[in-house]
């Protein structure tokens, strides 16, 4: 997940990236035993004009794939490199710079009986502001029971709040 200023989410989490006019990528997260998050399968690439209900269904699928207590990866291992590159390759680019170029990220987390959508600011892949930073003032919440079309629409609403 991006740099967070709030409390850790207590339930399943996912991320949804959007490249306006190009594509969408949604994927699960895994929480490591010490409590930080890493990207995880499945990687679901969708066209940017996907039906809202299909987008919502993809988000539900990746939330269900959330893993709560995975071991801390060995950052020098080939397995870690493959996992890190899987996100980049899922959208057909070759580098983190290309991945971040023009992308908008929304973190999706389960908090009690709600889903929380946290928009981010994209600081690029280099420099002191690099990475995605949460924009807490743009958070949107919805009940876990929201229908799939509504779920897709909430993510789109949150992308509109990204900087």
N, C-alpha and C. Protein backbone atom coordinates (compact mmCIF):
# COMPACT_ATOMS: atom_id res chain seq x y z
N UNK A 1 0.84 -1.17 0.00
CA UNK A 1 0.00 0.00 0.00
C UNK A 1 0.89 1.23 0.00
N UNK A 2 0.29 2.35 -0.21
CA UNK A 2 1.04 3.59 -0.18
C UNK A 2 1.41 3.93 1.26
N UNK A 3 2.16 5.00 1.43
CA UNK A 3 2.52 5.44 2.77
C UNK A 3 1.24 5.83 3.49
N UNK A 4 1.01 5.31 4.66
CA UNK A 4 -0.24 5.52 5.36
C UNK A 4 -0.03 6.37 6.60
N UNK A 5 -0.98 7.27 6.84
CA UNK A 5 -0.91 8.10 8.03
C UNK A 5 -1.92 7.66 9.08
N UNK A 6 -2.76 6.67 8.76
CA UNK A 6 -3.80 6.25 9.68
C UNK A 6 -3.52 4.88 10.26
N UNK A 7 -4.51 4.36 10.98
CA UNK A 7 -4.40 3.04 11.58
C UNK A 7 -4.41 1.97 10.50
N UNK A 8 -3.83 0.82 10.81
CA UNK A 8 -3.81 -0.28 9.87
C UNK A 8 -5.21 -0.83 9.64
N UNK A 9 -5.55 -1.13 8.38
CA UNK A 9 -6.83 -1.78 8.12
C UNK A 9 -6.86 -3.13 8.81
N UNK A 10 -8.07 -3.55 9.20
CA UNK A 10 -8.16 -4.79 9.94
C UNK A 10 -8.69 -5.96 9.11
N UNK A 11 -9.09 -5.71 7.89
CA UNK A 11 -9.61 -6.78 7.06
C UNK A 11 -8.94 -6.80 5.70
N UNK A 12 -9.54 -7.54 4.76
CA UNK A 12 -8.97 -7.65 3.42
C UNK A 12 -8.70 -6.30 2.76
N UNK A 13 -7.60 -6.26 2.01
CA UNK A 13 -7.19 -5.04 1.32
C UNK A 13 -6.81 -5.37 -0.12
N UNK A 14 -6.91 -4.35 -0.97
CA UNK A 14 -6.56 -4.49 -2.38
C UNK A 14 -6.11 -3.14 -2.91
N UNK A 15 -5.64 -3.12 -4.13
CA UNK A 15 -5.29 -1.88 -4.79
C UNK A 15 -5.89 -1.86 -6.18
N UNK A 16 -6.25 -0.65 -6.64
CA UNK A 16 -6.81 -0.47 -7.97
C UNK A 16 -6.09 0.70 -8.64
N UNK A 17 -5.41 0.42 -9.74
CA UNK A 17 -4.70 1.43 -10.52
C UNK A 17 -5.51 1.74 -11.77
N UNK A 18 -5.40 2.98 -12.24
CA UNK A 18 -6.10 3.39 -13.45
C UNK A 18 -5.18 4.27 -14.27
N UNK A 19 -5.06 3.94 -15.55
CA UNK A 19 -4.37 4.78 -16.52
C UNK A 19 -5.47 5.30 -17.43
N UNK A 20 -5.89 6.57 -17.23
CA UNK A 20 -7.03 7.10 -18.01
C UNK A 20 -6.89 6.85 -19.50
N UNK A 21 -7.96 6.31 -20.09
CA UNK A 21 -7.98 6.02 -21.51
C UNK A 21 -7.20 4.78 -21.92
N UNK A 22 -6.59 4.09 -20.98
CA UNK A 22 -5.75 2.94 -21.32
C UNK A 22 -6.24 1.67 -20.63
N UNK A 23 -6.00 1.57 -19.33
CA UNK A 23 -6.35 0.32 -18.65
C UNK A 23 -6.49 0.49 -17.16
N UNK A 24 -6.94 -0.59 -16.52
CA UNK A 24 -7.11 -0.68 -15.07
C UNK A 24 -6.39 -1.95 -14.62
N UNK A 25 -5.79 -1.89 -13.45
CA UNK A 25 -5.21 -3.07 -12.82
C UNK A 25 -5.72 -3.13 -11.39
N UNK A 26 -6.32 -4.24 -11.02
CA UNK A 26 -6.68 -4.48 -9.63
C UNK A 26 -5.93 -5.72 -9.16
N UNK A 27 -5.48 -5.68 -7.91
CA UNK A 27 -4.79 -6.84 -7.35
C UNK A 27 -4.95 -6.89 -5.85
N UNK A 28 -4.73 -8.07 -5.32
CA UNK A 28 -4.82 -8.28 -3.87
C UNK A 28 -3.58 -7.74 -3.18
N UNK A 29 -3.69 -7.63 -1.88
CA UNK A 29 -2.55 -7.37 -1.02
C UNK A 29 -2.43 -8.52 -0.04
N UNK A 30 -1.25 -8.67 0.52
CA UNK A 30 -1.02 -9.63 1.59
C UNK A 30 -0.41 -8.86 2.75
N UNK A 31 -0.87 -9.17 3.96
CA UNK A 31 -0.28 -8.55 5.16
C UNK A 31 0.75 -9.51 5.72
N UNK A 32 1.96 -9.01 5.89
CA UNK A 32 3.03 -9.84 6.44
C UNK A 32 2.83 -10.00 7.94
N UNK A 33 3.53 -10.97 8.51
CA UNK A 33 3.42 -11.22 9.95
C UNK A 33 3.72 -9.99 10.79
N UNK A 34 4.72 -9.14 10.42
CA UNK A 34 4.95 -7.92 11.20
C UNK A 34 3.89 -6.83 10.96
N UNK A 35 3.07 -6.98 9.91
CA UNK A 35 1.97 -6.04 9.70
C UNK A 35 2.08 -5.10 8.52
N UNK A 36 3.12 -5.20 7.70
CA UNK A 36 3.16 -4.35 6.51
C UNK A 36 2.60 -5.14 5.33
N UNK A 37 2.27 -4.42 4.27
CA UNK A 37 1.56 -5.00 3.13
C UNK A 37 2.47 -5.14 1.92
N UNK A 38 2.23 -6.22 1.17
CA UNK A 38 2.93 -6.43 -0.10
C UNK A 38 1.90 -6.79 -1.16
N UNK A 39 2.23 -6.51 -2.41
CA UNK A 39 1.35 -6.85 -3.52
C UNK A 39 1.24 -8.36 -3.64
N UNK A 40 0.06 -8.82 -4.10
CA UNK A 40 -0.18 -10.25 -4.22
C UNK A 40 -1.11 -10.54 -5.38
N UNK A 41 -1.14 -11.80 -5.81
CA UNK A 41 -2.05 -12.26 -6.85
C UNK A 41 -3.48 -12.26 -6.31
N UNK A 42 -4.45 -12.22 -7.17
CA UNK A 42 -4.38 -12.19 -8.63
C UNK A 42 -4.15 -10.77 -9.16
N UNK A 43 -3.64 -10.71 -10.38
CA UNK A 43 -3.43 -9.46 -11.09
C UNK A 43 -4.50 -9.42 -12.18
N UNK A 44 -5.42 -8.49 -12.12
CA UNK A 44 -6.52 -8.44 -13.07
C UNK A 44 -6.45 -7.15 -13.88
N UNK A 45 -6.00 -7.27 -15.13
CA UNK A 45 -5.92 -6.12 -16.03
C UNK A 45 -7.24 -6.04 -16.81
N UNK A 46 -7.81 -4.86 -16.84
CA UNK A 46 -9.10 -4.61 -17.49
C UNK A 46 -8.99 -3.39 -18.38
N UNK A 47 -9.84 -3.29 -19.41
CA UNK A 47 -9.84 -2.07 -20.22
C UNK A 47 -10.35 -0.90 -19.39
N UNK A 48 -9.90 0.31 -19.69
CA UNK A 48 -10.30 1.48 -18.88
C UNK A 48 -11.80 1.77 -18.98
N UNK A 49 -12.44 1.30 -20.03
CA UNK A 49 -13.88 1.55 -20.19
C UNK A 49 -14.73 0.36 -19.75
N UNK A 50 -14.20 -0.47 -18.86
CA UNK A 50 -14.90 -1.67 -18.41
C UNK A 50 -16.23 -1.30 -17.74
N UNK A 51 -17.19 -2.18 -17.87
CA UNK A 51 -18.49 -2.03 -17.22
C UNK A 51 -18.28 -1.92 -15.70
N UNK A 52 -19.03 -1.04 -15.04
CA UNK A 52 -18.86 -0.80 -13.61
C UNK A 52 -19.06 -2.07 -12.78
N UNK A 53 -20.03 -2.89 -13.17
CA UNK A 53 -20.28 -4.14 -12.43
C UNK A 53 -19.12 -5.12 -12.58
N UNK A 54 -18.52 -5.18 -13.75
CA UNK A 54 -17.36 -6.07 -13.96
C UNK A 54 -16.18 -5.57 -13.12
N UNK A 55 -15.97 -4.27 -13.08
CA UNK A 55 -14.92 -3.71 -12.23
C UNK A 55 -15.19 -4.05 -10.77
N UNK A 56 -16.43 -3.88 -10.33
CA UNK A 56 -16.79 -4.22 -8.95
C UNK A 56 -16.57 -5.69 -8.65
N UNK A 57 -16.89 -6.56 -9.59
CA UNK A 57 -16.67 -8.00 -9.41
C UNK A 57 -15.18 -8.32 -9.29
N UNK A 58 -14.36 -7.67 -10.09
CA UNK A 58 -12.91 -7.88 -10.03
C UNK A 58 -12.38 -7.45 -8.66
N UNK A 59 -12.89 -6.35 -8.15
CA UNK A 59 -12.44 -5.86 -6.84
C UNK A 59 -12.84 -6.86 -5.75
N UNK A 60 -14.06 -7.36 -5.82
CA UNK A 60 -14.49 -8.37 -4.84
C UNK A 60 -13.58 -9.61 -4.91
N UNK A 61 -13.23 -10.02 -6.11
CA UNK A 61 -12.38 -11.20 -6.27
C UNK A 61 -11.01 -11.00 -5.64
N UNK A 62 -10.41 -9.83 -5.85
CA UNK A 62 -9.08 -9.61 -5.26
C UNK A 62 -9.17 -9.42 -3.74
N UNK A 63 -10.26 -8.86 -3.25
CA UNK A 63 -10.42 -8.75 -1.80
C UNK A 63 -10.51 -10.15 -1.17
N UNK A 64 -11.19 -11.06 -1.85
CA UNK A 64 -11.29 -12.44 -1.35
C UNK A 64 -9.95 -13.15 -1.37
N UNK A 65 -9.01 -12.70 -2.20
CA UNK A 65 -7.69 -13.32 -2.29
C UNK A 65 -6.71 -12.77 -1.25
N UNK A 66 -7.14 -11.81 -0.45
CA UNK A 66 -6.29 -11.22 0.59
C UNK A 66 -5.69 -12.32 1.48
N UNK A 67 -4.41 -12.18 1.81
CA UNK A 67 -3.72 -13.12 2.69
C UNK A 67 -3.29 -12.36 3.95
N UNK A 68 -3.76 -12.77 5.14
CA UNK A 68 -3.52 -11.96 6.34
C UNK A 68 -2.19 -12.14 7.05
N UNK A 69 -1.50 -13.25 6.92
CA UNK A 69 -0.27 -13.49 7.70
C UNK A 69 0.78 -14.22 6.90
N UNK A 70 1.38 -13.53 5.95
CA UNK A 70 2.41 -14.18 5.14
C UNK A 70 3.79 -13.87 5.73
N UNK A 71 4.73 -14.76 5.55
CA UNK A 71 6.09 -14.49 6.05
C UNK A 71 6.71 -13.30 5.32
N UNK A 72 7.61 -12.65 5.98
CA UNK A 72 8.33 -11.54 5.36
C UNK A 72 9.19 -12.11 4.24
N UNK A 73 9.07 -11.55 3.03
CA UNK A 73 9.87 -12.09 1.92
C UNK A 73 11.34 -11.74 2.07
N UNK A 74 12.18 -12.59 1.52
CA UNK A 74 13.60 -12.31 1.43
C UNK A 74 13.77 -11.40 0.21
N UNK A 75 14.07 -10.14 0.45
CA UNK A 75 14.12 -9.15 -0.63
C UNK A 75 15.23 -9.38 -1.63
N UNK A 76 16.13 -10.32 -1.36
CA UNK A 76 17.20 -10.65 -2.29
C UNK A 76 16.85 -11.86 -3.15
N UNK A 77 15.73 -12.49 -2.86
CA UNK A 77 15.40 -13.76 -3.53
C UNK A 77 14.79 -13.55 -4.92
N UNK A 78 14.97 -14.54 -5.79
CA UNK A 78 14.31 -14.50 -7.10
C UNK A 78 12.78 -14.46 -6.98
N UNK A 79 12.24 -15.09 -5.94
CA UNK A 79 10.78 -15.08 -5.75
C UNK A 79 10.28 -13.66 -5.48
N UNK A 80 11.02 -12.89 -4.68
CA UNK A 80 10.62 -11.50 -4.40
C UNK A 80 10.70 -10.66 -5.68
N UNK A 81 11.77 -10.85 -6.44
CA UNK A 81 11.91 -10.10 -7.69
C UNK A 81 10.76 -10.42 -8.63
N UNK A 82 10.39 -11.69 -8.73
CA UNK A 82 9.29 -12.10 -9.61
C UNK A 82 7.98 -11.48 -9.14
N UNK A 83 7.74 -11.44 -7.84
CA UNK A 83 6.51 -10.84 -7.31
C UNK A 83 6.48 -9.34 -7.59
N UNK A 84 7.60 -8.68 -7.37
CA UNK A 84 7.69 -7.23 -7.61
C UNK A 84 7.45 -6.90 -9.08
N UNK A 85 8.01 -7.72 -9.97
CA UNK A 85 7.86 -7.47 -11.39
C UNK A 85 6.49 -7.90 -11.93
N UNK A 86 5.79 -8.78 -11.24
CA UNK A 86 4.48 -9.25 -11.71
C UNK A 86 3.50 -8.10 -11.88
N UNK A 87 3.51 -7.16 -10.95
CA UNK A 87 2.60 -5.99 -11.02
C UNK A 87 2.92 -5.17 -12.27
N UNK A 88 4.19 -4.97 -12.53
CA UNK A 88 4.62 -4.18 -13.68
C UNK A 88 4.28 -4.90 -14.99
N UNK A 89 4.58 -6.19 -15.03
CA UNK A 89 4.31 -6.96 -16.25
C UNK A 89 2.82 -7.15 -16.52
N UNK A 90 1.99 -7.11 -15.48
CA UNK A 90 0.55 -7.30 -15.65
C UNK A 90 -0.07 -6.23 -16.55
N UNK A 91 0.58 -5.07 -16.64
CA UNK A 91 0.06 -4.01 -17.49
C UNK A 91 0.90 -3.80 -18.75
N UNK A 92 1.86 -4.70 -18.96
CA UNK A 92 2.62 -4.67 -20.21
C UNK A 92 3.70 -3.62 -20.30
N UNK A 93 4.24 -3.19 -19.15
CA UNK A 93 5.35 -2.24 -19.17
C UNK A 93 6.59 -2.92 -18.61
N UNK A 94 7.74 -2.23 -18.72
CA UNK A 94 9.00 -2.86 -18.35
C UNK A 94 9.67 -2.27 -17.12
N UNK A 95 9.12 -1.15 -16.61
CA UNK A 95 9.79 -0.51 -15.48
C UNK A 95 8.78 0.15 -14.55
N UNK A 96 9.25 0.42 -13.34
CA UNK A 96 8.42 1.13 -12.36
C UNK A 96 8.09 2.54 -12.88
N UNK A 97 9.04 3.17 -13.56
CA UNK A 97 8.80 4.51 -14.12
C UNK A 97 7.64 4.46 -15.10
N UNK A 98 7.65 3.50 -16.01
CA UNK A 98 6.56 3.38 -16.98
C UNK A 98 5.25 3.05 -16.27
N UNK A 99 5.30 2.21 -15.24
CA UNK A 99 4.11 1.84 -14.50
C UNK A 99 3.48 3.07 -13.85
N UNK A 100 4.29 3.90 -13.24
CA UNK A 100 3.76 5.05 -12.50
C UNK A 100 3.34 6.19 -13.40
N UNK A 101 3.87 6.25 -14.60
CA UNK A 101 3.59 7.37 -15.51
C UNK A 101 2.09 7.48 -15.80
N UNK A 102 1.45 8.50 -15.27
CA UNK A 102 0.04 8.78 -15.53
C UNK A 102 -0.94 7.93 -14.75
N UNK A 103 -0.45 7.07 -13.84
CA UNK A 103 -1.36 6.18 -13.12
C UNK A 103 -1.97 6.85 -11.90
N UNK A 104 -3.16 6.38 -11.57
CA UNK A 104 -3.85 6.80 -10.35
C UNK A 104 -4.09 5.54 -9.53
N UNK A 105 -3.85 5.63 -8.22
CA UNK A 105 -3.99 4.49 -7.34
C UNK A 105 -5.01 4.78 -6.26
N UNK A 106 -5.89 3.81 -6.03
CA UNK A 106 -6.81 3.85 -4.90
C UNK A 106 -6.58 2.59 -4.08
N UNK A 107 -6.33 2.78 -2.79
CA UNK A 107 -6.23 1.67 -1.86
C UNK A 107 -7.63 1.32 -1.38
N UNK A 108 -7.92 0.04 -1.29
CA UNK A 108 -9.24 -0.42 -0.86
C UNK A 108 -9.03 -1.30 0.36
N UNK A 109 -9.67 -0.94 1.46
CA UNK A 109 -9.49 -1.72 2.69
C UNK A 109 -10.83 -1.95 3.36
N UNK A 110 -10.89 -3.04 4.11
CA UNK A 110 -12.08 -3.39 4.87
C UNK A 110 -11.87 -2.93 6.30
N UNK A 111 -12.76 -2.07 6.76
CA UNK A 111 -12.71 -1.54 8.13
C UNK A 111 -14.06 -1.86 8.75
N UNK A 112 -14.10 -2.82 9.64
CA UNK A 112 -15.38 -3.21 10.24
C UNK A 112 -16.35 -3.69 9.17
N UNK A 113 -17.50 -3.05 9.08
CA UNK A 113 -18.53 -3.41 8.12
C UNK A 113 -18.51 -2.50 6.89
N UNK A 114 -17.41 -1.77 6.69
CA UNK A 114 -17.29 -0.84 5.57
C UNK A 114 -16.08 -1.13 4.70
N UNK A 115 -16.18 -0.67 3.48
CA UNK A 115 -15.04 -0.61 2.58
C UNK A 115 -14.57 0.83 2.55
N UNK A 116 -13.27 1.03 2.64
CA UNK A 116 -12.68 2.37 2.59
C UNK A 116 -11.85 2.48 1.33
N UNK A 117 -12.09 3.55 0.57
CA UNK A 117 -11.38 3.84 -0.68
C UNK A 117 -10.51 5.05 -0.42
N UNK A 118 -9.19 4.85 -0.50
CA UNK A 118 -8.26 5.93 -0.21
C UNK A 118 -7.53 6.35 -1.47
N UNK A 119 -7.82 7.55 -1.98
CA UNK A 119 -7.10 8.04 -3.16
C UNK A 119 -5.67 8.42 -2.77
N UNK A 120 -4.82 8.54 -3.76
CA UNK A 120 -3.42 8.86 -3.53
C UNK A 120 -2.94 9.97 -4.46
N UNK A 121 -1.78 10.50 -4.11
CA UNK A 121 -1.06 11.43 -4.99
C UNK A 121 0.12 10.65 -5.56
N UNK A 122 0.30 10.71 -6.85
CA UNK A 122 1.38 10.03 -7.54
C UNK A 122 2.59 10.96 -7.59
N UNK A 123 3.64 10.60 -6.85
CA UNK A 123 4.85 11.40 -6.81
C UNK A 123 5.93 10.95 -7.79
N UNK A 124 5.57 10.04 -8.69
CA UNK A 124 6.54 9.55 -9.66
C UNK A 124 7.44 8.48 -9.08
N UNK A 125 8.38 8.04 -9.90
CA UNK A 125 9.24 6.92 -9.49
C UNK A 125 10.60 7.34 -8.96
N UNK A 126 10.92 8.63 -9.00
CA UNK A 126 12.20 9.10 -8.48
C UNK A 126 11.99 10.40 -7.71
N UNK A 127 12.99 10.78 -6.96
CA UNK A 127 12.95 12.03 -6.24
C UNK A 127 12.41 11.88 -4.82
N UNK A 128 12.44 12.97 -4.06
CA UNK A 128 12.06 12.90 -2.65
C UNK A 128 10.57 12.62 -2.41
N UNK A 129 9.72 12.90 -3.37
CA UNK A 129 8.28 12.65 -3.21
C UNK A 129 7.82 11.41 -3.96
N UNK A 130 8.76 10.54 -4.33
CA UNK A 130 8.41 9.38 -5.16
C UNK A 130 7.41 8.47 -4.45
N UNK A 131 6.69 7.74 -5.27
CA UNK A 131 5.71 6.80 -4.75
C UNK A 131 4.32 7.40 -4.67
N UNK A 132 3.43 6.62 -4.14
CA UNK A 132 2.05 7.06 -3.95
C UNK A 132 1.86 7.44 -2.49
N UNK A 133 1.21 8.55 -2.24
CA UNK A 133 0.95 9.03 -0.88
C UNK A 133 -0.56 9.14 -0.69
N UNK A 134 -1.05 8.58 0.43
CA UNK A 134 -2.48 8.65 0.73
C UNK A 134 -2.95 10.09 0.82
N UNK A 135 -4.18 10.31 0.36
CA UNK A 135 -4.85 11.60 0.50
C UNK A 135 -6.05 11.40 1.44
N UNK A 136 -5.81 11.48 2.76
CA UNK A 136 -6.86 11.15 3.73
C UNK A 136 -8.11 12.02 3.58
N UNK A 137 -7.94 13.24 3.09
CA UNK A 137 -9.10 14.12 2.93
C UNK A 137 -10.03 13.65 1.82
N UNK A 138 -9.58 12.72 0.99
CA UNK A 138 -10.40 12.22 -0.11
C UNK A 138 -11.03 10.86 0.13
N UNK A 139 -10.88 10.33 1.35
CA UNK A 139 -11.39 8.98 1.64
C UNK A 139 -12.91 8.91 1.44
N UNK A 140 -13.33 7.80 0.86
CA UNK A 140 -14.75 7.50 0.65
C UNK A 140 -15.02 6.17 1.34
N UNK A 141 -16.18 6.03 1.96
CA UNK A 141 -16.55 4.74 2.56
C UNK A 141 -17.88 4.27 2.00
N UNK A 142 -18.05 2.97 2.00
CA UNK A 142 -19.30 2.35 1.55
C UNK A 142 -19.49 1.08 2.36
N UNK A 143 -20.73 0.63 2.54
CA UNK A 143 -20.96 -0.61 3.29
C UNK A 143 -20.42 -1.82 2.52
N UNK A 144 -19.99 -2.84 3.25
CA UNK A 144 -19.52 -4.08 2.63
C UNK A 144 -20.59 -4.69 1.71
N UNK A 145 -21.84 -4.39 1.99
CA UNK A 145 -22.95 -4.98 1.24
C UNK A 145 -23.23 -4.27 -0.08
N UNK A 146 -22.44 -3.26 -0.43
CA UNK A 146 -22.65 -2.53 -1.68
C UNK A 146 -22.67 -3.51 -2.86
N UNK A 147 -23.54 -3.27 -3.84
CA UNK A 147 -23.59 -4.17 -5.00
C UNK A 147 -22.36 -3.95 -5.89
N UNK A 148 -22.14 -4.87 -6.81
CA UNK A 148 -20.91 -4.81 -7.61
C UNK A 148 -20.84 -3.56 -8.48
N UNK A 149 -21.94 -3.13 -9.05
CA UNK A 149 -21.92 -1.90 -9.84
C UNK A 149 -21.57 -0.71 -8.95
N UNK A 150 -22.17 -0.63 -7.78
CA UNK A 150 -21.87 0.45 -6.84
C UNK A 150 -20.42 0.43 -6.41
N UNK A 151 -19.86 -0.76 -6.24
CA UNK A 151 -18.45 -0.90 -5.87
C UNK A 151 -17.56 -0.34 -6.97
N UNK A 152 -17.85 -0.70 -8.21
CA UNK A 152 -17.09 -0.15 -9.34
C UNK A 152 -17.19 1.37 -9.40
N UNK A 153 -18.37 1.90 -9.17
CA UNK A 153 -18.58 3.36 -9.19
C UNK A 153 -17.82 4.06 -8.06
N UNK A 154 -17.74 3.44 -6.88
CA UNK A 154 -17.01 4.04 -5.76
C UNK A 154 -15.52 4.16 -6.08
N UNK A 155 -14.96 3.14 -6.72
CA UNK A 155 -13.55 3.21 -7.09
C UNK A 155 -13.33 4.33 -8.10
N UNK A 156 -14.22 4.46 -9.06
CA UNK A 156 -14.11 5.54 -10.06
C UNK A 156 -14.21 6.90 -9.37
N UNK A 157 -15.11 7.02 -8.41
CA UNK A 157 -15.24 8.28 -7.65
C UNK A 157 -13.93 8.58 -6.89
N UNK A 158 -13.32 7.54 -6.32
CA UNK A 158 -12.07 7.74 -5.60
C UNK A 158 -10.93 8.11 -6.54
N UNK A 159 -10.87 7.49 -7.75
CA UNK A 159 -9.85 7.86 -8.72
C UNK A 159 -9.95 9.35 -9.07
N UNK A 160 -11.17 9.87 -9.14
CA UNK A 160 -11.36 11.28 -9.44
C UNK A 160 -10.75 12.19 -8.37
N UNK A 161 -10.53 11.67 -7.18
CA UNK A 161 -9.95 12.45 -6.08
C UNK A 161 -8.43 12.32 -6.01
N UNK A 162 -7.84 11.48 -6.86
CA UNK A 162 -6.39 11.32 -6.88
C UNK A 162 -5.72 12.57 -7.45
N UNK A 163 -4.49 12.80 -7.02
CA UNK A 163 -3.74 13.95 -7.52
C UNK A 163 -2.50 13.47 -8.26
